[in-house]
Amino acid sequence: MDAAHGRPMSRRSYMGGSSIGEECPREAYMKWRWIYPRLQDAKLFRVFDLGNSIEDDVADFLRTFKQYTLKTKDGPDQIGGTYFGGHLGWHIDGLLDTQFSRHLWECKSANSRRFNALAKTGILSAIYGADTDLGYSLWSPTYGAQVQFYMGALKESGIDCDSALVTVYNKNTSDLYIEEVTPDPDAFEELQEQARWLLSLPAPPDAAFSSGSYQVRNYMSRDQRGIYLGEYTPSDPNCRNCRHSKPRLDDPEMRGQWGCTKFKKLLSQRDQEAGCFSHQWMPDLINATLIDEDNAIYEKDDTRFRNAPADEVGKGELMSSEIAFLSRNEWNFDATNVLAEIRQETNGTFQTEINKDDSDREEDPVA
């Protein structure tokens, strides 16, 4: 699927190693459990696509230096691997070899404002006698954690790296920032434990950002903000965000398997995306008080309702898509009569209509 042409991108089946060091683990968890809507913003897609093109250009530039050998693929695939039954995946931009050393290569791009902040941080780190490379990691702790995880994962896979060479490209001026980052084994172990904790959670962790933070205001669509802040129930019921789904983290073959505890079966990726009529939300995704977990009964504004499978809905019972609709319409339970009529007319295939107006996003994210 191609978001550049108004169609949503396909979902990633695993949590990326680059997500482990994010400031807010709630975001990483929500992406992995397909709680967030799929990317449909053509502008954002072009930003990400530009980042890929820049990476290719910088790789070509590095290859002009004869003392370097840059490898960006392992056969037809990116160099990488998996952890935790295949539910955590990592892929690097490349390996840079010299006659005497090997380095992880990681490439980013940024606008001038962000790039200049990085350059200033790197210069100050050098001036004030930092005993190690701190510019890149201080500029973006998330990116710093990413390269530490990659270096540790490479070592565990049998590829030793002396350090990481990070390059950041200024999208406005074509200036290039280059820094060497040394490995920190303790940081890698901490990131592994963070990943294990996050993948094992039965519900999303608490939000690290408030509604007024720039991360929420600038880098999230209106629907993402509502879901992230717990105001909206997700708009896309699927197996990953159903209370009956469970990842298998101990699969030695690293297949990223998911199972359904209700029907006692493994779920293919197609199964997970399609969901089924027995879908019930993970309780934390409904902005209401949970009264009876076994029977999925909730209370909102003194009204009780059950999150019922589609083939069991009746009075006081709501399908998952109907709950998503109500969460976006001030929990107007008078609308349930209308929902029931729509449900009957559509033979139970009712879907929520989401406001896609993202005109209040202020700036592009860093690619």
Protein backbone atom coordinates (compact mmCIF):
# COMPACT_ATOMS: atom_id res chain seq x y z
CA MET A 1 0.00 0.00 0.00
CA ASP A 2 1.23 3.50 -0.80
CA ALA A 3 0.48 6.45 1.46
CA ALA A 4 1.95 8.78 -1.14
CA HIS A 5 -1.16 8.18 -3.22
CA GLY A 6 -3.65 8.42 -0.38
CA ARG A 7 -3.67 4.72 0.54
CA PRO A 8 -2.50 3.56 3.98
CA MET A 9 0.88 1.90 4.34
CA SER A 10 1.03 -1.77 5.31
CA ARG A 11 1.73 -2.51 8.95
CA ARG A 12 5.09 -3.61 10.28
CA SER A 13 4.85 -7.07 11.84
CA TYR A 14 7.51 -6.49 14.52
CA MET A 15 8.70 -3.81 16.91
CA GLY A 16 11.77 -2.09 15.50
CA GLY A 17 15.02 -2.03 17.44
CA SER A 18 15.12 1.69 16.72
CA SER A 19 11.98 2.10 18.89
CA ILE A 20 13.42 0.75 22.13
CA GLY A 21 15.14 3.97 23.11
CA GLU A 22 12.23 6.25 22.29
CA GLU A 23 11.35 8.84 24.93
CA CYS A 24 7.86 7.37 25.30
CA PRO A 25 7.55 3.56 25.24
CA ARG A 26 3.77 3.96 24.96
CA GLU A 27 4.19 5.03 21.33
CA ALA A 28 6.40 2.06 20.47
CA TYR A 29 3.93 -0.33 22.11
CA MET A 30 0.94 1.19 20.32
CA LYS A 31 2.61 0.89 16.93
CA TRP A 32 3.54 -2.73 17.57
CA ARG A 33 0.06 -3.69 18.77
CA TRP A 34 -1.52 -1.87 15.78
CA ILE A 35 -3.38 0.49 18.09
CA TYR A 36 -2.41 3.55 16.08
CA PRO A 37 -4.05 4.06 12.67
CA ARG A 38 -1.93 3.20 9.65
CA LEU A 39 0.03 6.06 8.09
CA GLN A 40 -2.16 7.76 5.48
CA ASP A 41 -0.62 11.23 5.39
CA ALA A 42 0.98 11.67 1.94
CA LYS A 43 3.15 14.52 3.24
CA LEU A 44 4.63 12.37 6.00
CA PHE A 45 5.20 9.54 3.55
CA ARG A 46 7.18 11.89 1.30
CA VAL A 47 9.28 12.98 4.30
CA PHE A 48 10.17 9.36 5.06
CA ASP A 49 10.80 8.59 1.39
CA LEU A 50 13.13 11.60 1.16
CA GLY A 51 15.08 10.21 4.11
CA ASN A 52 15.62 6.95 2.21
CA SER A 53 16.84 8.84 -0.86
CA ILE A 54 19.24 10.91 1.24
CA GLU A 55 20.61 7.73 2.81
CA ASP A 56 21.40 6.34 -0.66
CA ASP A 57 23.13 9.59 -1.67
CA VAL A 58 25.28 9.70 1.47
CA ALA A 59 26.21 6.04 0.95
CA ASP A 60 27.37 6.86 -2.59
CA PHE A 61 29.41 9.78 -1.21
CA LEU A 62 31.15 7.56 1.38
CA ARG A 63 32.03 5.04 -1.33
CA THR A 64 34.07 7.70 -3.12
CA PHE A 65 36.68 7.40 -0.33
CA LYS A 66 38.90 4.49 -1.32
CA GLN A 67 39.96 3.76 2.27
CA TYR A 68 36.35 2.79 3.10
CA THR A 69 34.32 -0.23 2.06
CA LEU A 70 30.60 0.24 2.74
CA LYS A 71 28.24 -2.73 2.82
CA THR A 72 24.52 -1.89 3.08
CA LYS A 73 23.02 -5.28 2.18
CA ASP A 74 23.41 -8.93 3.10
CA GLY A 75 22.51 -10.38 -0.27
CA PRO A 76 19.14 -8.85 -1.22
CA ASP A 77 18.27 -7.91 2.38
CA GLN A 78 19.32 -5.35 4.94
CA ILE A 79 21.81 -6.51 7.56
CA GLY A 80 19.90 -7.30 10.75
CA GLY A 81 18.27 -9.88 12.96
CA THR A 82 15.53 -10.57 15.50
CA TYR A 83 14.98 -11.13 19.23
CA PHE A 84 12.18 -12.34 21.49
CA GLY A 85 10.59 -14.88 19.19
CA GLY A 86 10.86 -12.56 16.19
CA HIS A 87 8.79 -9.76 17.76
CA LEU A 88 11.76 -7.38 17.94
CA GLY A 89 13.56 -6.78 14.66
CA TRP A 90 16.60 -4.64 13.86
CA HIS A 91 18.17 -3.57 10.58
CA ILE A 92 21.20 -1.33 10.14
CA ASP A 93 22.03 1.18 7.43
CA GLY A 94 25.41 -0.40 6.78
CA LEU A 95 28.86 -1.62 7.83
CA LEU A 96 31.88 0.55 7.08
CA ASP A 97 35.23 -1.27 6.87
CA THR A 98 38.72 0.15 6.76
CA GLN A 99 41.99 -1.79 6.61
CA PHE A 100 42.17 -2.00 10.40
CA SER A 101 38.64 -1.44 11.75
CA ARG A 102 34.92 -2.01 11.28
CA HIS A 103 32.17 0.48 12.07
CA LEU A 104 28.39 0.50 12.18
CA TRP A 105 27.13 3.19 9.80
CA GLU A 106 23.93 5.02 10.70
CA CYS A 107 22.50 7.83 8.57
CA LYS A 108 19.92 10.44 9.54
CA SER A 109 18.68 13.70 8.03
CA ALA A 110 17.33 16.87 9.62
CA ASN A 111 16.18 20.36 8.74
CA SER A 112 18.52 23.30 9.39
CA ARG A 113 17.08 24.10 12.80
CA ARG A 114 17.64 20.59 14.09
CA PHE A 115 20.97 20.21 12.28
CA ASN A 116 22.36 23.42 13.78
CA ALA A 117 21.34 22.26 17.25
CA LEU A 118 23.30 19.05 16.67
CA ALA A 119 26.36 20.91 15.40
CA LYS A 120 26.29 23.20 18.45
CA THR A 121 25.93 20.25 20.82
CA GLY A 122 28.84 18.44 19.18
CA ILE A 123 31.12 21.50 19.34
CA LEU A 124 30.31 22.22 23.00
CA SER A 125 30.95 18.59 23.92
CA ALA A 126 34.43 18.86 22.39
CA ILE A 127 35.24 22.29 23.88
CA TYR A 128 34.31 21.35 27.43
CA GLY A 129 36.43 18.23 27.44
CA ALA A 130 33.87 15.44 27.23
CA ASP A 131 35.82 12.21 27.58
CA THR A 132 33.63 10.43 25.08
CA ASP A 133 31.41 11.20 22.10
CA LEU A 134 28.31 12.92 23.45
CA GLY A 135 27.10 15.29 20.74
CA TYR A 136 24.89 12.88 18.81
CA SER A 137 23.47 11.14 21.87
CA LEU A 138 22.75 14.41 23.68
CA TRP A 139 21.08 15.81 20.57
CA SER A 140 18.82 12.76 20.32
CA PRO A 141 18.87 10.18 23.15
CA THR A 142 16.59 8.04 20.96
CA TYR A 143 19.13 7.94 18.13
CA GLY A 144 21.95 7.42 20.60
CA ALA A 145 20.17 4.42 22.10
CA GLN A 146 19.51 3.08 18.61
CA VAL A 147 23.19 2.87 17.65
CA GLN A 148 24.07 1.31 21.03
CA PHE A 149 21.44 -1.37 20.48
CA TYR A 150 22.65 -2.02 16.94
CA MET A 151 26.31 -2.34 17.99
CA GLY A 152 25.40 -4.76 20.77
CA ALA A 153 23.14 -6.80 18.47
CA LEU A 154 25.86 -6.97 15.82
CA LYS A 155 28.34 -8.27 18.40
CA GLU A 156 25.89 -10.94 19.57
CA SER A 157 25.43 -12.02 15.95
CA GLY A 158 29.19 -12.44 15.54
CA ILE A 159 30.05 -9.08 13.96
CA ASP A 160 32.34 -6.97 16.15
CA CYS A 161 32.30 -3.21 15.62
CA ASP A 162 34.96 -0.84 16.90
CA SER A 163 32.43 1.99 16.93
CA ALA A 164 29.55 3.58 15.05
CA LEU A 165 30.02 6.26 12.43
CA VAL A 166 26.90 8.42 12.39
CA THR A 167 26.17 10.88 9.59
CA VAL A 168 23.44 13.52 9.70
CA TYR A 169 22.51 15.32 6.47
CA ASN A 170 21.12 18.87 6.46
CA LYS A 171 18.11 18.77 4.12
CA ASN A 172 18.25 22.54 3.58
CA THR A 173 21.96 23.09 2.92
CA SER A 174 23.40 19.60 2.20
CA ASP A 175 25.92 20.02 5.04
CA LEU A 176 27.01 16.76 6.62
CA TYR A 177 27.70 16.12 10.32
CA ILE A 178 29.89 13.12 11.15
CA GLU A 179 30.60 11.68 14.60
CA GLU A 180 32.09 8.47 15.97
CA VAL A 181 30.16 6.79 18.80
CA THR A 182 31.85 4.18 20.99
CA PRO A 183 30.03 1.02 22.16
CA ASP A 184 28.51 0.86 25.64
CA PRO A 185 27.74 -2.78 26.58
CA ASP A 186 25.80 -1.71 29.68
CA ALA A 187 23.51 0.45 27.55
CA PHE A 188 22.85 -2.51 25.23
CA GLU A 189 21.87 -4.75 28.17
CA GLU A 190 19.54 -2.08 29.54
CA LEU A 191 17.89 -1.69 26.14
CA GLN A 192 17.37 -5.44 25.90
CA GLU A 193 15.64 -5.44 29.27
CA GLN A 194 13.53 -2.46 28.18
CA ALA A 195 12.45 -4.39 25.10
CA ARG A 196 11.61 -7.52 27.10
CA TRP A 197 9.51 -5.46 29.53
CA LEU A 198 7.67 -3.62 26.77
CA LEU A 199 6.88 -6.70 24.68
CA SER A 200 5.55 -8.52 27.75
CA LEU A 201 3.08 -5.84 28.83
CA PRO A 202 -0.63 -6.77 28.64
CA ALA A 203 -1.59 -3.10 28.17
CA PRO A 204 0.06 0.10 26.93
CA PRO A 205 2.35 1.83 29.46
CA ASP A 206 1.53 5.32 30.66
CA ALA A 207 2.09 8.30 28.37
CA ALA A 208 5.31 10.24 28.86
CA PHE A 209 3.99 13.32 27.04
CA SER A 210 1.15 15.64 27.97
CA SER A 211 -1.41 17.05 25.55
CA GLY A 212 0.54 20.31 25.37
CA SER A 213 3.97 18.81 24.64
CA TYR A 214 5.53 19.53 21.26
CA GLN A 215 5.83 15.79 20.53
CA VAL A 216 2.05 15.45 20.71
CA ARG A 217 1.17 18.75 19.04
CA ASN A 218 3.68 18.55 16.18
CA TYR A 219 4.25 14.90 15.39
CA MET A 220 0.87 13.23 15.86
CA SER A 221 -2.26 13.38 13.74
CA ARG A 222 -5.49 14.36 15.49
CA ASP A 223 -6.57 10.74 15.73
CA GLN A 224 -3.17 9.61 17.01
CA ARG A 225 -3.31 12.29 19.70
CA GLY A 226 -6.72 11.13 20.87
CA ILE A 227 -5.61 7.50 21.03
CA TYR A 228 -2.26 8.30 22.66
CA LEU A 229 -3.90 10.43 25.36
CA GLY A 230 -6.54 7.77 26.04
CA GLU A 231 -9.44 9.90 24.83
CA TYR A 232 -10.26 7.85 21.73
CA THR A 233 -10.61 4.11 21.27
CA PRO A 234 -8.64 3.02 18.17
CA SER A 235 -10.49 3.18 14.87
CA ASP A 236 -9.25 -0.15 13.47
CA PRO A 237 -10.28 -3.29 15.39
CA ASN A 238 -7.78 -6.07 14.60
CA CYS A 239 -6.25 -9.06 16.33
CA ARG A 240 -3.25 -7.17 17.68
CA ASN A 241 -5.41 -4.80 19.76
CA CYS A 242 -7.92 -7.47 20.83
CA ARG A 243 -7.89 -8.70 24.42
CA HIS A 244 -7.72 -12.29 23.19
CA SER A 245 -4.40 -11.92 21.33
CA LYS A 246 -1.02 -12.85 22.74
CA PRO A 247 2.50 -12.80 21.26
CA ARG A 248 4.77 -15.82 21.54
CA LEU A 249 8.06 -14.40 22.73
CA ASP A 250 9.88 -17.72 23.20
CA ASP A 251 9.64 -19.10 19.65
CA PRO A 252 13.17 -20.38 18.84
CA GLU A 253 12.50 -20.05 15.12
CA MET A 254 11.85 -16.30 15.50
CA ARG A 255 8.66 -16.29 13.43
CA GLY A 256 6.92 -13.48 15.32
CA GLN A 257 3.92 -15.65 16.12
CA TRP A 258 0.64 -14.42 17.59
CA GLY A 259 -2.06 -16.59 19.08
CA CYS A 260 -5.75 -16.19 19.88
CA THR A 261 -6.57 -17.33 23.41
CA LYS A 262 -10.30 -17.48 22.64
CA PHE A 263 -10.13 -19.81 19.63
CA LYS A 264 -6.84 -21.47 20.64
CA LYS A 265 -5.10 -20.97 17.31
CA LEU A 266 -2.12 -19.23 15.74
CA LEU A 267 -2.83 -16.13 13.67
CA SER A 268 -1.25 -15.35 10.32
CA GLN A 269 -0.46 -11.74 9.44
CA ARG A 270 -3.53 -11.71 7.22
CA ASP A 271 -5.65 -13.02 10.11
CA GLN A 272 -4.29 -10.31 12.40
CA GLU A 273 -5.04 -7.51 9.96
CA ALA A 274 -8.55 -8.75 9.19
CA GLY A 275 -9.61 -9.44 12.77
CA CYS A 276 -12.88 -11.25 13.37
CA PHE A 277 -16.44 -10.67 14.62
CA SER A 278 -15.39 -11.76 18.13
CA HIS A 279 -13.07 -8.78 18.58
CA GLN A 280 -13.07 -7.14 22.02
CA TRP A 281 -10.79 -4.25 22.89
CA MET A 282 -7.87 -4.52 25.29
CA PRO A 283 -9.59 -2.92 28.32
CA ASP A 284 -7.13 -0.02 28.61
CA LEU A 285 -8.12 1.17 25.14
CA ILE A 286 -11.64 2.10 26.25
CA ASN A 287 -11.98 5.44 28.05
CA ALA A 288 -14.48 4.08 30.56
CA THR A 289 -14.45 2.34 33.92
CA LEU A 290 -14.04 -1.44 33.70
CA ILE A 291 -16.72 -3.07 35.86
CA ASP A 292 -16.42 -6.74 34.91
CA GLU A 293 -13.27 -7.80 33.05
CA ASP A 294 -14.41 -11.38 32.32
CA ASN A 295 -17.56 -10.15 30.58
CA ALA A 296 -16.06 -6.89 29.21
CA ILE A 297 -18.59 -4.64 30.96
CA TYR A 298 -17.80 -0.93 31.32
CA GLU A 299 -19.39 2.19 32.73
CA LYS A 300 -19.26 5.69 31.24
CA ASP A 301 -21.28 8.69 32.43
CA ASP A 302 -23.48 6.43 34.61
CA THR A 303 -24.27 4.21 31.62
CA ARG A 304 -23.16 0.59 31.54
CA PHE A 305 -22.37 -1.25 28.32
CA ARG A 306 -20.71 -4.42 27.21
CA ASN A 307 -18.05 -4.68 24.52
CA ALA A 308 -19.72 -7.59 22.78
CA PRO A 309 -18.68 -9.76 19.83
CA ALA A 310 -20.59 -8.75 16.69
CA ASP A 311 -22.73 -11.89 16.70
CA GLU A 312 -23.86 -11.26 20.29
CA VAL A 313 -24.72 -7.57 20.30
CA GLY A 314 -28.05 -6.49 21.69
CA LYS A 315 -29.42 -3.83 24.01
CA GLY A 316 -26.65 -2.33 26.10
CA GLU A 317 -24.03 -4.14 24.04
CA LEU A 318 -21.68 -2.51 21.56
CA MET A 319 -19.32 -3.81 18.92
CA SER A 320 -15.74 -2.60 19.04
CA SER A 321 -16.22 -0.25 16.07
CA GLU A 322 -19.27 1.30 17.75
CA ILE A 323 -17.28 2.02 20.90
CA ALA A 324 -14.66 3.72 18.74
CA PHE A 325 -17.40 5.83 17.18
CA LEU A 326 -18.87 6.87 20.55
CA SER A 327 -15.45 7.79 21.95
CA ARG A 328 -15.15 10.36 19.15
CA ASN A 329 -18.67 11.68 19.67
CA GLU A 330 -18.62 12.63 23.36
CA TRP A 331 -20.08 9.28 24.38
CA ASN A 332 -23.53 10.26 23.18
CA PHE A 333 -25.37 7.06 24.05
CA ASP A 334 -28.52 8.42 22.43
CA ALA A 335 -26.71 7.68 19.20
CA THR A 336 -26.82 3.95 19.95
CA ASN A 337 -30.26 3.75 18.38
CA VAL A 338 -28.78 5.13 15.18
CA LEU A 339 -25.87 2.73 15.48
CA ALA A 340 -28.25 -0.18 15.82
CA GLU A 341 -30.04 0.87 12.63
CA ILE A 342 -26.75 1.19 10.75
CA ARG A 343 -25.63 -2.16 12.12
CA GLN A 344 -28.79 -3.81 10.80
CA GLU A 345 -28.53 -2.11 7.40
CA THR A 346 -24.87 -3.03 6.97
CA ASN A 347 -25.28 -6.56 8.31
CA GLY A 348 -22.84 -5.96 11.16
CA THR A 349 -20.06 -4.43 9.06
CA PHE A 350 -20.36 -0.90 10.50
CA GLN A 351 -17.06 1.01 10.62
CA THR A 352 -16.23 4.30 12.32
CA GLU A 353 -15.72 7.47 10.33
CA ILE A 354 -12.60 9.28 11.48
CA ASN A 355 -11.87 12.99 11.17
CA LYS A 356 -8.70 13.06 9.08
CA ASP A 357 -8.12 16.83 9.33
CA ASP A 358 -4.48 17.11 10.41
CA SER A 359 -4.09 20.72 9.37
CA ASP A 360 -2.91 21.74 12.85
CA ARG A 361 0.32 19.73 12.66
CA GLU A 362 3.03 22.41 12.87
CA GLU A 363 6.15 20.94 11.30
CA ASP A 364 7.73 17.91 9.65
CA PRO A 365 9.30 15.23 11.82
CA VAL A 366 13.00 14.51 11.43
CA ALA A 367 13.44 11.71 8.91
